[in-house]
Protein backbone atom coordinates (compact mmCIF):
# COMPACT_ATOMS: atom_id res chain seq x y z
CA MET A 1 112.51 85.57 100.81
CA ALA A 2 111.33 86.19 104.28
CA MET A 3 108.16 85.06 105.87
CA VAL A 4 106.97 86.67 109.08
CA LEU A 5 104.37 84.78 110.97
CA ARG A 6 102.41 86.27 113.91
CA PHE A 7 100.65 84.02 116.43
CA PRO A 8 98.40 86.32 118.69
CA HIS A 9 98.03 85.92 122.38
CA ALA A 10 95.25 87.04 124.59
CA GLY A 11 95.92 90.04 126.76
CA ARG A 12 96.88 93.56 126.38
CA ALA A 13 99.95 92.90 124.09
CA LEU A 14 100.11 90.50 121.18
CA ARG A 15 103.07 88.44 121.82
CA SER A 16 104.87 85.45 120.13
CA TRP A 17 108.17 84.20 118.87
CA VAL A 18 110.92 84.45 116.06
CA LEU A 19 112.45 81.43 114.36
CA ARG A 20 115.13 81.82 111.74
CA PRO A 21 115.95 78.59 109.95
CA TRP A 22 119.52 78.68 108.55
CA VAL A 23 119.23 75.97 105.97
CA LEU A 24 116.60 77.30 103.44
CA PRO A 25 116.19 80.80 102.22
CA ILE A 26 112.64 80.81 103.86
CA VAL A 27 112.81 82.82 107.13
CA ILE A 28 109.90 82.20 109.30
CA GLU A 29 109.45 84.81 112.00
CA LEU A 30 106.77 84.36 114.66
CA ALA A 31 106.25 87.87 115.95
CA ALA A 32 104.39 90.32 117.87
CA VAL A 33 102.86 93.41 116.41
CA ALA A 34 102.58 96.88 118.00
CA GLY A 35 100.92 99.71 116.23
CA ALA A 36 98.81 97.67 113.78
CA VAL A 37 97.71 100.54 111.61
CA GLN A 38 99.74 100.58 108.42
CA PRO A 39 101.38 104.05 107.66
CA PRO A 40 100.87 105.80 104.40
CA ALA A 41 103.68 105.55 101.86
CA SER A 42 105.07 108.94 103.06
CA ALA A 43 104.95 108.15 106.74
CA ALA A 44 108.66 107.36 106.95
CA GLU A 45 109.36 110.96 105.71
CA GLN A 46 107.05 112.62 108.24
CA VAL A 47 108.86 114.32 111.27
CA ILE A 48 107.08 113.63 114.52
CA ALA A 49 107.63 115.11 118.07
CA PHE A 50 108.53 112.50 120.50
CA ASP A 51 109.00 112.57 124.32
CA ILE A 52 109.06 108.89 125.49
CA PRO A 53 110.74 108.51 128.81
CA ALA A 54 113.42 105.91 129.66
CA GLN A 55 111.51 102.59 130.39
CA PRO A 56 111.44 98.97 129.62
CA LEU A 57 112.06 98.53 125.89
CA GLU A 58 108.71 96.64 125.05
CA ALA A 59 106.71 99.50 126.86
CA ALA A 60 108.65 102.15 124.93
CA LEU A 61 107.98 100.28 121.77
CA SER A 62 104.26 100.18 122.51
CA THR A 63 104.26 104.04 123.08
CA TYR A 64 106.16 104.46 119.71
CA GLY A 65 103.67 102.31 117.93
CA MET A 66 100.71 104.51 119.17
CA ILE A 67 102.40 107.63 118.18
CA THR A 68 103.60 106.67 114.78
CA ARG A 69 101.01 104.15 113.76
CA VAL A 70 103.81 102.06 112.33
CA GLN A 71 103.75 98.22 112.43
CA LEU A 72 106.49 96.53 114.53
CA LEU A 73 106.92 92.90 114.39
CA PHE A 74 109.19 91.46 117.15
CA ASP A 75 109.86 88.55 119.33
CA PRO A 76 108.95 89.70 122.83
CA GLY A 77 111.78 87.46 124.13
CA LEU A 78 114.19 89.82 122.40
CA THR A 79 112.88 92.80 124.48
CA ASP A 80 113.08 91.09 127.88
CA GLY A 81 115.44 92.73 130.18
CA ARG A 82 116.16 95.45 127.83
CA ARG A 83 115.56 99.25 128.34
CA ALA A 84 115.14 102.19 126.01
CA ASN A 85 116.74 105.53 126.70
CA ARG A 86 114.56 108.53 126.78
CA LEU A 87 113.51 109.71 123.35
CA LYS A 88 112.84 113.43 123.12
CA GLY A 89 112.90 115.57 119.95
CA SER A 90 111.50 115.56 116.50
CA PHE A 91 112.49 112.65 114.19
CA THR A 92 111.10 110.55 111.18
CA SER A 93 109.54 107.26 112.41
CA GLU A 94 112.54 105.40 111.26
CA ALA A 95 115.03 107.64 112.92
CA ALA A 96 113.12 107.59 116.23
CA LEU A 97 112.86 103.80 116.19
CA ARG A 98 116.76 103.65 115.74
CA GLN A 99 117.30 106.02 118.59
CA LEU A 100 115.00 103.86 120.76
CA LEU A 101 116.90 100.63 119.89
CA ALA A 102 120.45 102.47 120.34
CA GLY A 103 122.50 100.47 122.80
CA THR A 104 119.91 97.69 123.21
CA GLY A 105 121.56 95.11 120.85
CA LEU A 106 118.62 95.18 118.52
CA ALA A 107 118.24 96.52 115.06
CA ALA A 108 115.24 97.35 112.77
CA ARG A 109 114.68 95.89 109.47
CA MET A 110 112.28 97.58 107.15
CA ILE A 111 109.25 95.56 105.88
CA GLY A 112 108.45 97.45 102.63
CA GLU A 113 106.02 100.09 103.53
CA GLN A 114 104.26 98.03 106.20
CA GLY A 115 106.71 98.77 109.09
CA PHE A 116 109.71 97.23 110.76
CA THR A 117 110.80 93.92 112.23
CA LEU A 118 113.28 93.80 115.04
CA VAL A 119 116.29 91.39 114.98
CA PRO A 120 119.57 91.01 117.11
CA ASP A 121 121.91 93.60 115.84
CA GLY A 122 124.38 92.04 113.51
CA ALA A 123 123.18 88.60 114.51
CA ARG A 124 123.31 85.71 111.99
CA SER A 125 120.45 83.11 111.69
CA GLY A 126 121.16 79.99 113.72
CA ALA A 127 119.81 78.01 116.64
CA SER A 128 121.60 80.01 119.23
CA GLU A 129 119.28 82.79 118.51
CA MET A 130 116.15 80.82 119.30
CA SER A 131 114.24 81.53 122.51
CA PRO A 132 112.60 78.64 124.47
CA SER A 133 109.27 79.50 123.03
CA VAL A 134 110.60 79.29 119.59
CA ARG A 135 112.13 75.93 120.27
CA ARG A 136 108.74 74.76 121.53
CA PHE A 137 107.15 75.21 118.13
CA ASN A 138 110.37 74.45 116.13
CA GLU A 139 109.36 71.15 114.71
CA TYR A 140 105.94 72.54 113.49
CA SER A 141 107.61 75.69 112.17
CA ALA A 142 109.93 73.52 110.00
CA ALA A 143 106.83 71.61 108.63
CA LEU A 144 105.06 74.95 107.88
CA GLN A 145 108.09 76.23 106.25
CA GLY A 146 108.29 73.43 103.79
CA ALA A 147 104.55 73.61 103.07
CA LEU A 148 104.79 77.33 102.30
CA ARG A 149 107.75 76.80 100.06
CA ARG A 150 105.92 74.19 97.99
CA MET A 151 102.82 76.30 97.79
CA LEU A 152 104.46 79.48 96.73
CA CYS A 153 106.68 77.53 94.12
CA HIS A 154 103.69 75.72 92.67
CA ASP A 155 102.68 78.65 90.46
CA ARG A 156 104.80 80.91 88.44
CA ASP A 157 102.67 83.80 89.53
CA THR A 158 103.44 83.27 93.37
CA ALA A 159 107.05 82.18 93.05
CA PRO A 160 108.80 84.64 95.49
CA GLY A 161 111.54 87.18 94.51
CA SER A 162 109.69 90.29 93.18
CA TYR A 163 106.88 91.04 95.56
CA ARG A 164 105.83 91.53 99.28
CA VAL A 165 102.56 90.51 100.66
CA LEU A 166 100.97 90.14 104.12
CA ALA A 167 98.38 87.40 104.87
CA GLN A 168 96.75 85.53 107.62
CA VAL A 169 95.86 81.84 107.81
CA TRP A 170 94.00 79.72 110.25
CA ILE A 171 95.22 76.00 110.31
CA GLY A 172 92.72 73.37 111.34
CA PRO A 173 93.23 70.27 113.41
CA SER A 174 93.75 68.31 110.10
CA GLY A 175 96.85 70.48 109.21
CA THR A 176 94.99 72.12 106.30
CA THR A 177 93.93 75.79 106.13
CA ASP A 178 90.48 76.62 107.53
CA ARG A 179 90.48 80.15 106.49
CA ALA A 180 92.97 82.67 104.83
CA GLN A 181 92.95 86.36 103.85
CA LEU A 182 95.21 88.87 102.33
CA LEU A 183 96.03 91.89 104.47
CA THR A 184 98.03 93.63 101.74
CA SER A 185 98.22 93.42 97.97
CA SER A 186 101.28 92.07 96.27
CA GLY A 187 100.76 94.79 93.61
CA ASP A 188 99.26 92.43 90.93
CA GLY A 189 95.73 91.42 91.03
CA ARG A 190 96.29 88.13 89.38
CA ARG A 191 99.04 87.13 91.69
CA ASP A 192 96.82 88.22 94.64
CA ALA A 193 94.11 85.90 93.45
CA ALA A 194 96.72 82.99 93.13
CA LEU A 195 98.27 83.72 96.51
CA LEU A 196 94.93 83.66 98.33
CA ALA A 197 93.96 80.44 96.58
CA GLY A 198 97.24 78.88 97.56
CA PHE A 199 97.00 80.06 101.20
CA ARG A 200 93.36 78.68 101.22
CA GLU A 201 94.65 75.30 100.09
CA LEU A 202 97.80 75.11 102.19
CA SER A 203 98.40 71.73 103.75
CA VAL A 204 101.16 71.39 106.44
CA GLY A 205 100.70 67.75 106.52
CA VAL A 206 100.67 67.50 110.29
CA PRO A 207 98.12 68.96 112.87
CA PRO A 208 99.21 72.13 114.62
CA PRO A 209 100.09 71.97 118.37
CA GLY A 210 97.06 72.35 120.48
CA ASP A 211 98.45 75.37 122.22
CA LEU A 212 99.57 77.23 119.03
CA PRO A 213 97.79 80.54 118.90
CA GLN A 214 96.06 81.62 115.67
CA PRO A 215 95.65 83.11 113.17
CA ILE A 216 99.20 82.98 111.80
CA THR A 217 100.23 86.14 110.02
CA LEU A 218 102.54 85.50 106.93
CA LEU A 219 104.65 88.28 105.53
CA VAL A 220 106.43 87.29 102.20
CA THR A 221 109.31 89.47 100.99
CA PRO A 222 112.00 88.90 98.19
CA GLU A 223 114.96 89.04 100.65
CA GLY A 224 116.95 85.97 100.67
CA THR A 225 115.54 84.38 97.49
CA THR A 226 118.28 82.47 95.61
CA THR A 227 118.60 81.25 92.04
CA GLY A 228 116.98 77.82 91.86
CA TYR A 229 114.76 78.29 95.00
CA CYS A 230 111.80 77.48 92.82
CA PRO A 231 113.31 75.21 90.15
CA GLU A 232 109.95 74.12 88.49
CA PRO A 233 106.97 76.54 89.10
CA HIS A 234 103.80 75.63 87.57
CA PRO A 235 104.21 76.27 83.92
CA SER A 236 100.86 77.94 83.28
CA GLY A 237 101.13 80.27 86.20
CA ARG A 238 97.39 79.77 86.79
CA GLY A 239 97.00 76.23 88.19
CA ARG A 240 95.09 77.12 91.21
CA GLU A 241 92.91 79.63 89.51
CA ALA A 242 91.93 77.19 86.91
CA ARG A 243 90.94 74.56 89.54
CA ARG A 244 88.91 77.17 91.39
């Protein structure tokens, strides 16, 4: 399973960080978003004419997002000092992105039909991949990781491994969720209701850092889920719904 968390910043670009814990199968990414409009299911097959000049990679990705309307989630620290070559010609959105990333040391990983996240090309998860901004929130990210795992594994309906969903949460000073919303459906109405109830009841157990930007955007995917990840999900699968 992967979890992508976006912490927004003020200013023209939304920027934040990527954390990749290597002990648990939860992957928490604290990522920026460019081109926040979700493409239709057929967008990856559409051929688009591009003429993006050579420039700093982050600027090129911003232009790409505006042209394609595809979501990009990435750690801005990954793009620092990297340049994109000129992209000219007609390509699908996926092929164009791979062309932009050629030679940069970065690769695109598809997030269902919502878009792509950028990761070091061929990199393996570990502390050496963390930027200074990631390390600044490392302790809280670990606490959030544990809370999300407990929440998702509490109900059989929300146990990860067979669905993707994008959500946003606002964590209050007490360490509990003040507000939550689903940005996409998991594909099942009952599971959506259970997920939303779970996110609304999420308790990290510790207050968030005072400078932690919010809301936090969570992307849950089945990648990385292992047997026994949720050894004892709630037997009824409707525990939260029953309490609400």
